[in-house]
PDB file of N, CA and C in Angstrom:
ATOM      1  N   MET A   1      -0.758  12.543 -27.269  1.00  0.00           N
ATOM      2  CA  MET A   1      -1.363  13.039 -26.332  1.00  0.00           C
ATOM      3  C   MET A   1      -2.637  12.659 -26.746  1.00  0.00           C
ATOM      4  N   THR A   2      -3.587  11.935 -25.565  1.00  0.00           N
ATOM      5  CA  THR A   2      -4.412  11.832 -26.047  1.00  0.00           C
ATOM      6  C   THR A   2      -5.825  12.279 -25.216  1.00  0.00           C
ATOM      7  N   LEU A   3      -7.424  12.327 -25.627  1.00  0.00           N
ATOM      8  CA  LEU A   3      -8.038  12.400 -24.598  1.00  0.00           C
ATOM      9  C   LEU A   3      -9.072  10.968 -24.116  1.00  0.00           C
ATOM     10  N   GLN A   4      -9.502  11.090 -22.683  1.00  0.00           N
ATOM     11  CA  GLN A   4     -10.703  10.447 -22.670  1.00  0.00           C
ATOM     12  C   GLN A   4     -11.909  11.031 -22.927  1.00  0.00           C
ATOM     13  N   LEU A   5     -12.459  10.196 -23.746  1.00  0.00           N
ATOM     14  CA  LEU A   5     -14.042  10.560 -24.411  1.00  0.00           C
ATOM     15  C   LEU A   5     -15.135   9.531 -23.458  1.00  0.00           C
ATOM     16  N   GLU A   6     -16.154  10.144 -23.210  1.00  0.00           N
ATOM     17  CA  GLU A   6     -16.964   9.510 -22.487  1.00  0.00           C
ATOM     18  C   GLU A   6     -18.336   9.802 -22.634  1.00  0.00           C
ATOM     19  N   ILE A   7     -19.685   9.415 -23.226  1.00  0.00           N
ATOM     20  CA  ILE A   7     -20.402   9.775 -23.862  1.00  0.00           C
ATOM     21  C   ILE A   7     -21.381   8.932 -22.868  1.00  0.00           C
ATOM     22  N   TYR A   8     -22.601   9.454 -22.084  1.00  0.00           N
ATOM     23  CA  TYR A   8     -23.593   9.372 -21.501  1.00  0.00           C
ATOM     24  C   TYR A   8     -25.241   9.153 -22.224  1.00  0.00           C
ATOM     25  N   THR A   9     -25.769   8.123 -21.629  1.00  0.00           N
ATOM     26  CA  THR A   9     -27.469   8.912 -21.725  1.00  0.00           C
ATOM     27  C   THR A   9     -27.696   8.208 -20.093  1.00  0.00           C
ATOM     28  N   PRO A  10     -29.184   8.453 -20.096  1.00  0.00           N
ATOM     29  CA  PRO A  10     -29.507   8.281 -18.911  1.00  0.00           C
ATOM     30  C   PRO A  10     -29.908   6.869 -18.010  1.00  0.00           C
ATOM     31  N   VAL A  11     -29.532   6.134 -19.483  1.00  0.00           N
ATOM     32  CA  VAL A  11     -29.828   4.621 -19.033  1.00  0.00           C
ATOM     33  C   VAL A  11     -28.748   3.717 -19.376  1.00  0.00           C
ATOM     34  N   GLN A  12     -27.256   4.335 -20.068  1.00  0.00           N
ATOM     35  CA  GLN A  12     -26.176   3.374 -20.153  1.00  0.00           C
ATOM     36  C   GLN A  12     -24.954   4.937 -20.391  1.00  0.00           C
ATOM     37  N   GLU A  13     -23.870   3.882 -20.111  1.00  0.00           N
ATOM     38  CA  GLU A  13     -22.673   4.063 -21.164  1.00  0.00           C
ATOM     39  C   GLU A  13     -22.781   4.396 -22.152  1.00  0.00           C
ATOM     40  N   TYR A  14     -22.485   5.064 -23.281  1.00  0.00           N
ATOM     41  CA  TYR A  14     -22.741   4.510 -24.582  1.00  0.00           C
ATOM     42  C   TYR A  14     -21.155   4.489 -24.947  1.00  0.00           C
ATOM     43  N   LEU A  15     -20.137   5.371 -24.531  1.00  0.00           N
ATOM     44  CA  LEU A  15     -18.627   5.183 -25.221  1.00  0.00           C
ATOM     45  C   LEU A  15     -17.784   6.025 -24.147  1.00  0.00           C
ATOM     46  N   LYS A  16     -16.916   4.934 -24.303  1.00  0.00           N
ATOM     47  CA  LYS A  16     -15.555   5.367 -23.599  1.00  0.00           C
ATOM     48  C   LYS A  16     -14.356   4.754 -24.094  1.00  0.00           C
ATOM     49  N   LYS A  17     -13.863   5.454 -24.342  1.00  0.00           N
ATOM     50  CA  LYS A  17     -12.752   5.537 -25.082  1.00  0.00           C
ATOM     51  C   LYS A  17     -11.477   7.078 -25.309  1.00  0.00           C
ATOM     52  N   GLU A  18     -10.466   6.246 -26.010  1.00  0.00           N
ATOM     53  CA  GLU A  18      -9.230   7.328 -25.718  1.00  0.00           C
ATOM     54  C   GLU A  18      -9.333   7.923 -26.782  1.00  0.00           C
ATOM     55  N   VAL A  19      -9.320   8.722 -27.089  1.00  0.00           N
ATOM     56  CA  VAL A  19      -9.249   9.450 -28.693  1.00  0.00           C
ATOM     57  C   VAL A  19      -8.130  10.966 -28.997  1.00  0.00           C
ATOM     58  N   ASP A  20      -8.111  11.337 -30.280  1.00  0.00           N
ATOM     59  CA  ASP A  20      -6.889  12.487 -30.764  1.00  0.00           C
ATOM     60  C   ASP A  20      -7.475  13.862 -30.547  1.00  0.00           C
ATOM     61  N   MET A  21      -8.949  13.852 -30.824  1.00  0.00           N
ATOM     62  CA  MET A  21      -9.733  14.894 -30.728  1.00  0.00           C
ATOM     63  C   MET A  21     -11.154  15.008 -30.902  1.00  0.00           C
ATOM     64  N   VAL A  22     -11.945  15.506 -30.357  1.00  0.00           N
ATOM     65  CA  VAL A  22     -13.619  15.827 -30.282  1.00  0.00           C
ATOM     66  C   VAL A  22     -14.297  17.429 -31.061  1.00  0.00           C
ATOM     67  N   ILE A  23     -14.471  16.690 -31.546  1.00  0.00           N
ATOM     68  CA  ILE A  23     -15.830  18.268 -32.164  1.00  0.00           C
ATOM     69  C   ILE A  23     -17.193  18.003 -31.859  1.00  0.00           C
ATOM     70  N   VAL A  24     -17.876  18.777 -31.109  1.00  0.00           N
ATOM     71  CA  VAL A  24     -19.137  19.222 -30.946  1.00  0.00           C
ATOM     72  C   VAL A  24     -20.006  20.261 -31.231  1.00  0.00           C
ATOM     73  N   PRO A  25     -21.211  19.550 -31.225  1.00  0.00           N
ATOM     74  CA  PRO A  25     -22.645  21.161 -31.750  1.00  0.00           C
ATOM     75  C   PRO A  25     -22.734  21.517 -30.650  1.00  0.00           C
ATOM     76  N   GLY A  26     -21.502  22.785 -29.896  1.00  0.00           N
ATOM     77  CA  GLY A  26     -22.407  23.552 -29.102  1.00  0.00           C
ATOM     78  C   GLY A  26     -22.938  24.818 -29.410  1.00  0.00           C
ATOM     79  N   LYS A  27     -23.655  25.510 -28.520  1.00  0.00           N
ATOM     80  CA  LYS A  27     -24.894  26.247 -28.298  1.00  0.00           C
ATOM     81  C   LYS A  27     -24.408  27.294 -29.510  1.00  0.00           C
ATOM     82  N   MET A  28     -22.935  27.612 -29.569  1.00  0.00           N
ATOM     83  CA  MET A  28     -22.500  29.249 -30.299  1.00  0.00           C
ATOM     84  C   MET A  28     -22.142  28.657 -31.251  1.00  0.00           C
ATOM     85  N   GLY A  29     -21.799  27.195 -31.861  1.00  0.00           N
ATOM     86  CA  GLY A  29     -21.174  26.902 -32.851  1.00  0.00           C
ATOM     87  C   GLY A  29     -20.499  25.631 -32.653  1.00  0.00           C
ATOM     88  N   GLU A  30     -19.632  24.917 -33.314  1.00  0.00           N
ATOM     89  CA  GLU A  30     -18.690  23.456 -33.331  1.00  0.00           C
ATOM     90  C   GLU A  30     -17.695  24.030 -32.370  1.00  0.00           C
ATOM     91  N   LEU A  31     -17.466  23.289 -31.382  1.00  0.00           N
ATOM     92  CA  LEU A  31     -16.180  23.362 -30.121  1.00  0.00           C
ATOM     93  C   LEU A  31     -15.513  21.865 -30.767  1.00  0.00           C
ATOM     94  N   GLY A  32     -14.284  22.523 -31.165  1.00  0.00           N
ATOM     95  CA  GLY A  32     -12.727  21.578 -31.209  1.00  0.00           C
ATOM     96  C   GLY A  32     -12.452  21.092 -29.920  1.00  0.00           C
ATOM     97  N   ILE A  33     -12.323  19.999 -29.289  1.00  0.00           N
ATOM     98  CA  ILE A  33     -11.424  19.646 -28.226  1.00  0.00           C
ATOM     99  C   ILE A  33     -10.280  19.158 -28.550  1.00  0.00           C
ATOM    100  N   LEU A  34      -8.686  19.494 -27.978  1.00  0.00           N
ATOM    101  CA  LEU A  34      -7.546  18.797 -28.034  1.00  0.00           C
ATOM    102  C   LEU A  34      -7.051  18.100 -26.419  1.00  0.00           C
ATOM    103  N   PRO A  35      -6.118  17.743 -26.830  1.00  0.00           N
ATOM    104  CA  PRO A  35      -5.931  17.543 -25.190  1.00  0.00           C
ATOM    105  C   PRO A  35      -5.383  18.674 -24.614  1.00  0.00           C
ATOM    106  N   GLN A  36      -5.237  19.003 -23.658  1.00  0.00           N
ATOM    107  CA  GLN A  36      -4.453  19.959 -22.948  1.00  0.00           C
ATOM    108  C   GLN A  36      -5.959  21.218 -22.956  1.00  0.00           C
ATOM    109  N   HIS A  37      -7.009  20.857 -23.354  1.00  0.00           N
ATOM    110  CA  HIS A  37      -7.605  22.165 -23.739  1.00  0.00           C
ATOM    111  C   HIS A  37      -8.267  22.439 -21.898  1.00  0.00           C
ATOM    112  N   THR A  38      -8.459  23.543 -22.204  1.00  0.00           N
ATOM    113  CA  THR A  38      -8.847  24.272 -21.052  1.00  0.00           C
ATOM    114  C   THR A  38     -10.063  24.106 -20.346  1.00  0.00           C
ATOM    115  N   PRO A  39     -10.415  23.824 -19.137  1.00  0.00           N
ATOM    116  CA  PRO A  39     -11.487  23.200 -18.902  1.00  0.00           C
ATOM    117  C   PRO A  39     -13.134  24.167 -18.988  1.00  0.00           C
ATOM    118  N   LEU A  40     -13.503  23.399 -19.461  1.00  0.00           N
ATOM    119  CA  LEU A  40     -15.218  23.972 -20.121  1.00  0.00           C
ATOM    120  C   LEU A  40     -16.214  23.326 -19.640  1.00  0.00           C
ATOM    121  N   LEU A  41     -17.616  23.938 -19.378  1.00  0.00           N
ATOM    122  CA  LEU A  41     -18.629  23.569 -19.271  1.00  0.00           C
ATOM    123  C   LEU A  41     -19.839  24.022 -20.077  1.00  0.00           C
ATOM    124  N   SER A  42     -20.230  23.466 -20.892  1.00  0.00           N
ATOM    125  CA  SER A  42     -21.280  24.213 -22.164  1.00  0.00           C
ATOM    126  C   SER A  42     -23.011  23.143 -22.557  1.00  0.00           C
ATOM    127  N   LEU A  43     -23.232  23.795 -23.193  1.00  0.00           N
ATOM    128  CA  LEU A  43     -24.608  23.179 -23.411  1.00  0.00           C
ATOM    129  C   LEU A  43     -24.440  22.591 -24.764  1.00  0.00           C
ATOM    130  N   LEU A  44     -24.956  22.038 -25.132  1.00  0.00           N
ATOM    131  CA  LEU A  44     -25.181  21.175 -26.771  1.00  0.00           C
ATOM    132  C   LEU A  44     -26.205  21.256 -27.477  1.00  0.00           C
ATOM    133  N   ASN A  45     -25.859  21.560 -29.056  1.00  0.00           N
ATOM    134  CA  ASN A  45     -27.123  21.069 -29.130  1.00  0.00           C
ATOM    135  C   ASN A  45     -27.443  19.742 -30.451  1.00  0.00           C
ATOM    136  N   GLU A  46     -28.177  19.419 -30.678  1.00  0.00           N
ATOM    137  CA  GLU A  46     -28.297  18.072 -31.259  1.00  0.00           C
ATOM    138  C   GLU A  46     -27.670  18.593 -32.683  1.00  0.00           C
ATOM    139  N   GLY A  47     -26.988  17.002 -32.557  1.00  0.00           N
ATOM    140  CA  GLY A  47     -26.390  17.259 -34.022  1.00  0.00           C
ATOM    141  C   GLY A  47     -25.003  16.212 -34.258  1.00  0.00           C
ATOM    142  N   MET A  48     -24.029  16.127 -34.936  1.00  0.00           N
ATOM    143  CA  MET A  48     -22.988  15.176 -34.726  1.00  0.00           C
ATOM    144  C   MET A  48     -21.933  15.709 -33.740  1.00  0.00           C
ATOM    145  N   VAL A  49     -21.542  14.684 -33.220  1.00  0.00           N
ATOM    146  CA  VAL A  49     -20.147  14.589 -32.389  1.00  0.00           C
ATOM    147  C   VAL A  49     -18.921  14.000 -33.390  1.00  0.00           C
ATOM    148  N   LYS A  50     -18.124  14.542 -33.702  1.00  0.00           N
ATOM    149  CA  LYS A  50     -17.184  14.147 -34.765  1.00  0.00           C
ATOM    150  C   LYS A  50     -15.814  13.778 -33.502  1.00  0.00           C
ATOM    151  N   ILE A  51     -15.248  12.344 -33.954  1.00  0.00           N
ATOM    152  CA  ILE A  51     -14.319  11.708 -32.855  1.00  0.00           C
ATOM    153  C   ILE A  51     -13.000  11.422 -33.988  1.00  0.00           C
ATOM    154  N   LYS A  52     -11.484  11.586 -33.722  1.00  0.00           N
ATOM    155  CA  LYS A  52     -10.798  11.729 -34.260  1.00  0.00           C
ATOM    156  C   LYS A  52      -9.797  10.780 -33.278  1.00  0.00           C
ATOM    157  N   THR A  53      -9.831   9.295 -34.098  1.00  0.00           N
ATOM    158  CA  THR A  53      -8.855   8.431 -33.068  1.00  0.00           C
ATOM    159  C   THR A  53      -7.580   7.919 -34.485  1.00  0.00           C
ATOM    160  N   GLU A  54      -6.450   7.873 -34.271  1.00  0.00           N
ATOM    161  CA  GLU A  54      -5.350   7.258 -34.924  1.00  0.00           C
ATOM    162  C   GLU A  54      -5.651   7.585 -36.403  1.00  0.00           C
ATOM    163  N   GLY A  55      -5.984   9.091 -36.894  1.00  0.00           N
ATOM    164  CA  GLY A  55      -6.558   9.147 -38.243  1.00  0.00           C
ATOM    165  C   GLY A  55      -7.747   9.406 -38.593  1.00  0.00           C
ATOM    166  N   LYS A  56      -8.903   8.685 -38.095  1.00  0.00           N
ATOM    167  CA  LYS A  56      -9.748   8.046 -38.634  1.00  0.00           C
ATOM    168  C   LYS A  56     -10.925   8.886 -38.040  1.00  0.00           C
ATOM    169  N   TRP A  57     -11.846   9.044 -38.504  1.00  0.00           N
ATOM    170  CA  TRP A  57     -13.144   9.848 -38.106  1.00  0.00           C
ATOM    171  C   TRP A  57     -14.332   9.019 -38.421  1.00  0.00           C
ATOM    172  N   GLN A  58     -14.922   9.338 -37.020  1.00  0.00           N
ATOM    173  CA  GLN A  58     -16.191   8.361 -36.603  1.00  0.00           C
ATOM    174  C   GLN A  58     -16.798   9.673 -36.168  1.00  0.00           C
ATOM    175  N   GLU A  59     -18.441   9.686 -36.578  1.00  0.00           N
ATOM    176  CA  GLU A  59     -19.595  10.640 -36.471  1.00  0.00           C
ATOM    177  C   GLU A  59     -20.740   9.466 -35.590  1.00  0.00           C
ATOM    178  N   ILE A  60     -21.023  10.491 -34.435  1.00  0.00           N
ATOM    179  CA  ILE A  60     -22.001   9.704 -33.904  1.00  0.00           C
ATOM    180  C   ILE A  60     -23.341  11.051 -33.657  1.00  0.00           C
ATOM    181  N   LYS A  61     -24.078  10.916 -33.997  1.00  0.00           N
ATOM    182  CA  LYS A  61     -25.203  11.530 -34.116  1.00  0.00           C
ATOM    183  C   LYS A  61     -25.916  11.761 -32.572  1.00  0.00           C
ATOM    184  N   ILE A  62     -26.160  12.717 -31.835  1.00  0.00           N
ATOM    185  CA  ILE A  62     -26.582  13.478 -30.730  1.00  0.00           C
ATOM    186  C   ILE A  62     -27.871  13.992 -30.177  1.00  0.00           C
ATOM    187  N   SER A  63     -28.410  14.204 -29.360  1.00  0.00           N
ATOM    188  CA  SER A  63     -29.743  14.973 -28.984  1.00  0.00           C
ATOM    189  C   SER A  63     -29.010  15.997 -28.098  1.00  0.00           C
ATOM    190  N   GLU A  64     -29.694  17.156 -27.580  1.00  0.00           N
ATOM    191  CA  GLU A  64     -29.295  18.161 -27.026  1.00  0.00           C
ATOM    192  C   GLU A  64     -28.637  17.473 -25.589  1.00  0.00           C
ATOM    193  N   GLY A  65     -27.902  18.406 -24.928  1.00  0.00           N
ATOM    194  CA  GLY A  65     -27.112  17.879 -24.187  1.00  0.00           C
ATOM    195  C   GLY A  65     -25.907  18.649 -23.521  1.00  0.00           C
ATOM    196  N   TYR A  66     -24.937  18.379 -22.382  1.00  0.00           N
ATOM    197  CA  TYR A  66     -23.952  19.102 -21.828  1.00  0.00           C
ATOM    198  C   TYR A  66     -22.961  18.160 -22.459  1.00  0.00           C
ATOM    199  N   ILE A  67     -21.549  19.300 -22.420  1.00  0.00           N
ATOM    200  CA  ILE A  67     -20.318  18.567 -22.079  1.00  0.00           C
ATOM    201  C   ILE A  67     -19.257  19.660 -21.012  1.00  0.00           C
ATOM    202  N   GLU A  68     -18.434  18.421 -20.327  1.00  0.00           N
ATOM    203  CA  GLU A  68     -17.796  19.207 -19.665  1.00  0.00           C
ATOM    204  C   GLU A  68     -16.269  18.487 -19.944  1.00  0.00           C
ATOM    205  N   VAL A  69     -15.029  19.870 -19.916  1.00  0.00           N
ATOM    206  CA  VAL A  69     -13.870  18.903 -20.308  1.00  0.00           C
ATOM    207  C   VAL A  69     -13.048  19.598 -19.189  1.00  0.00           C
ATOM    208  N   GLY A  70     -12.081  18.651 -19.344  1.00  0.00           N
ATOM    209  CA  GLY A  70     -11.274  19.287 -17.758  1.00  0.00           C
ATOM    210  C   GLY A  70     -10.222  17.663 -18.367  1.00  0.00           C
ATOM    211  N   SER A  71      -9.054  17.959 -16.986  1.00  0.00           N
ATOM    212  CA  SER A  71      -7.707  16.800 -17.084  1.00  0.00           C
ATOM    213  C   SER A  71      -7.517  15.801 -18.025  1.00  0.00           C
ATOM    214  N   ASN A  72      -7.709  16.866 -19.354  1.00  0.00           N
ATOM    215  CA  ASN A  72      -7.911  14.880 -20.813  1.00  0.00           C
ATOM    216  C   ASN A  72      -9.108  14.408 -20.348  1.00  0.00           C
ATOM    217  N   LYS A  73     -10.351  14.668 -19.949  1.00  0.00           N
ATOM    218  CA  LYS A  73     -11.120  14.248 -20.272  1.00  0.00           C
ATOM    219  C   LYS A  73     -12.346  14.972 -20.815  1.00  0.00           C
ATOM    220  N   VAL A  74     -13.118  14.255 -21.788  1.00  0.00           N
ATOM    221  CA  VAL A  74     -14.628  14.823 -22.228  1.00  0.00           C
ATOM    222  C   VAL A  74     -15.552  13.987 -21.718  1.00  0.00           C
ATOM    223  N   THR A  75     -16.607  14.815 -20.877  1.00  0.00           N
ATOM    224  CA  THR A  75     -17.786  13.997 -20.741  1.00  0.00           C
ATOM    225  C   THR A  75     -19.076  14.590 -21.546  1.00  0.00           C
ATOM    226  N   ILE A  76     -19.490  13.681 -22.119  1.00  0.00           N
ATOM    227  CA  ILE A  76     -20.913  14.116 -22.917  1.00  0.00           C
ATOM    228  C   ILE A  76     -22.286  13.832 -22.100  1.00  0.00           C
ATOM    229  N   LEU A  77     -22.962  14.385 -21.673  1.00  0.00           N
ATOM    230  CA  LEU A  77     -24.137  13.974 -21.015  1.00  0.00           C
ATOM    231  C   LEU A  77     -25.303  14.232 -22.433  1.00  0.00           C
ATOM    232  N   VAL A  78     -26.165  12.958 -22.670  1.00  0.00           N
ATOM    233  CA  VAL A  78     -27.542  13.513 -23.603  1.00  0.00           C
ATOM    234  C   VAL A  78     -28.335  12.540 -23.408  1.00  0.00           C
ATOM    235  N   ASP A  79     -29.368  12.803 -24.182  1.00  0.00           N
ATOM    236  CA  ASP A  79     -30.455  12.637 -23.460  1.00  0.00           C
ATOM    237  C   ASP A  79     -30.598  11.281 -24.502  1.00  0.00           C
ATOM    238  N   ASN A  80     -30.631  11.333 -25.714  1.00  0.00           N
ATOM    239  CA  ASN A  80     -30.180  10.114 -26.563  1.00  0.00           C
ATOM    240  C   ASN A  80     -29.022  10.560 -27.705  1.00  0.00           C
ATOM    241  N   VAL A  81     -28.660   8.898 -28.076  1.00  0.00           N
ATOM    242  CA  VAL A  81     -28.020   8.913 -28.763  1.00  0.00           C
ATOM    243  C   VAL A  81     -28.442   8.378 -30.322  1.00  0.00           C
ATOM    244  N   LEU A  82     -29.033   9.115 -31.320  1.00  0.00           N
ATOM    245  CA  LEU A  82     -29.719   9.126 -32.430  1.00  0.00           C
ATOM    246  C   LEU A  82     -28.716   8.758 -33.424  1.00  0.00           C
ATOM    247  N   THR A  83     -28.051   7.380 -33.453  1.00  0.00           N
ATOM    248  CA  THR A  83     -27.412   6.661 -34.342  1.00  0.00           C
ATOM    249  C   THR A  83     -28.427   5.889 -35.010  1.00  0.00           C
TER     250      THR A  83
END
């Protein structure tokens, strides 16, 4: 089972793909999101979003923003992607 991950900035859809796991820099610490995760809305700190797909990890540096999790979909809204 996978998650649909979407990362948006004010000017573009930066990323849209199926992933196995996402780890984000939450305001109170890192949050790990797996399929079937409880619905969630949270603030994000600037930091690294870690994405696991088919056993391989990818990292994307983001500015502060928001995350919404629901129905096996993760949406991240940020001002900038800092890669």
